[in-house]
Amino acid sequence: MTKELLEFRKNFGLRIKQLSIEKGISQIELAAMVGGRDKQAINRYIKQGANPSAFIVMKIALALNVSVSELFDFGELLNIAFDK
């Protein structure tokens, strides 16, 4: 896996986590809102850089009440420490 891809997946996970925190949505709630995904699936996106399908990306954006482009706006990542 390329460095660029690893960085993208890390940033995507951080962005999901950041937006979830801002919206007050837990991983369990997000999983339910994304259509019955389990918490572990959401955790894999956030912490392990798993690669969701385009459909799941759309469902995550809808659940977080943001556009897909906002979900991918890594310039909005805060400089705060996320637990590993």
Protein backbone atom coordinates (compact mmCIF):
# COMPACT_ATOMS: atom_id res chain seq x y z
CA MET A 1 0.00 0.00 0.00
CA THR A 2 1.38 3.41 -0.92
CA LYS A 3 2.14 6.13 1.60
CA GLU A 4 -0.45 8.34 -0.10
CA LEU A 5 -3.17 5.71 0.31
CA LEU A 6 -2.26 5.11 3.96
CA GLU A 7 -2.43 8.86 4.64
CA PHE A 8 -5.81 9.12 2.89
CA ARG A 9 -7.28 6.26 4.93
CA LYS A 10 -5.92 7.71 8.17
CA ASN A 11 -7.39 11.14 7.38
CA PHE A 12 -10.73 9.63 6.36
CA GLY A 13 -10.95 7.81 9.69
CA LEU A 14 -10.00 10.94 11.61
CA ARG A 15 -12.61 12.94 9.72
CA ILE A 16 -15.35 10.44 10.55
CA LYS A 17 -14.32 10.54 14.19
CA GLN A 18 -14.12 14.34 14.26
CA LEU A 19 -17.58 14.78 12.72
CA SER A 20 -19.07 12.11 14.99
CA ILE A 21 -17.72 13.92 18.05
CA GLU A 22 -18.98 17.29 16.77
CA LYS A 23 -22.45 15.83 16.17
CA GLY A 24 -22.51 13.88 19.44
CA ILE A 25 -22.96 10.56 17.64
CA SER A 26 -21.36 7.44 19.10
CA GLN A 27 -19.90 4.67 16.96
CA ILE A 28 -22.84 2.46 17.90
CA GLU A 29 -25.33 5.14 16.83
CA LEU A 30 -23.42 5.81 13.62
CA ALA A 31 -23.34 2.10 12.82
CA ALA A 32 -27.12 1.89 13.26
CA MET A 33 -27.66 4.99 11.13
CA VAL A 34 -25.48 3.59 8.36
CA GLY A 35 -27.89 0.72 7.99
CA GLY A 36 -27.21 -1.97 10.48
CA ARG A 37 -23.43 -1.96 10.31
CA ASP A 38 -21.88 -3.09 13.54
CA LYS A 39 -19.74 -0.87 15.73
CA GLN A 40 -16.68 -2.86 14.70
CA ALA A 41 -17.18 -1.88 11.05
CA ILE A 42 -17.22 1.81 11.98
CA ASN A 43 -14.23 1.24 14.25
CA ARG A 44 -12.33 -0.32 11.34
CA TYR A 45 -12.96 2.79 9.21
CA ILE A 46 -11.85 5.09 12.03
CA LYS A 47 -8.91 3.27 13.53
CA GLN A 48 -7.71 0.75 10.98
CA GLY A 49 -8.21 2.64 7.75
CA ALA A 50 -10.65 0.14 6.28
CA ASN A 51 -11.96 1.12 2.86
CA PRO A 52 -15.77 1.42 2.75
CA SER A 53 -17.72 1.19 -0.47
CA ALA A 54 -19.01 4.35 -2.13
CA PHE A 55 -22.51 3.46 -0.91
CA ILE A 56 -21.30 3.25 2.72
CA VAL A 57 -19.44 6.56 2.33
CA MET A 58 -22.71 8.14 1.18
CA LYS A 59 -24.58 6.59 4.13
CA ILE A 60 -21.95 7.87 6.59
CA ALA A 61 -22.24 11.39 5.14
CA LEU A 62 -26.04 11.26 5.42
CA ALA A 63 -25.85 9.96 8.99
CA LEU A 64 -23.47 12.78 9.93
CA ASN A 65 -25.62 15.30 8.07
CA VAL A 66 -22.76 16.47 5.84
CA SER A 67 -22.11 16.28 2.13
CA VAL A 68 -19.71 13.66 0.80
CA SER A 69 -17.33 16.47 -0.15
CA GLU A 70 -17.43 17.75 3.46
CA LEU A 71 -16.66 14.24 4.66
CA PHE A 72 -13.57 14.26 2.46
CA ASP A 73 -12.52 17.81 3.43
CA PHE A 74 -9.40 16.86 5.33
CA GLY A 75 -8.45 20.53 5.56
CA GLU A 76 -11.09 20.71 8.26
CA LEU A 77 -9.29 18.20 10.48
CA LEU A 78 -8.57 19.73 13.83
CA ASN A 79 -5.11 19.58 15.30
CA ILE A 80 -6.25 17.62 18.32
CA ALA A 81 -4.92 14.33 19.50
CA PHE A 82 -7.19 11.40 18.77
CA ASP A 83 -6.62 8.26 20.78
CA LYS A 84 -5.10 5.38 18.88
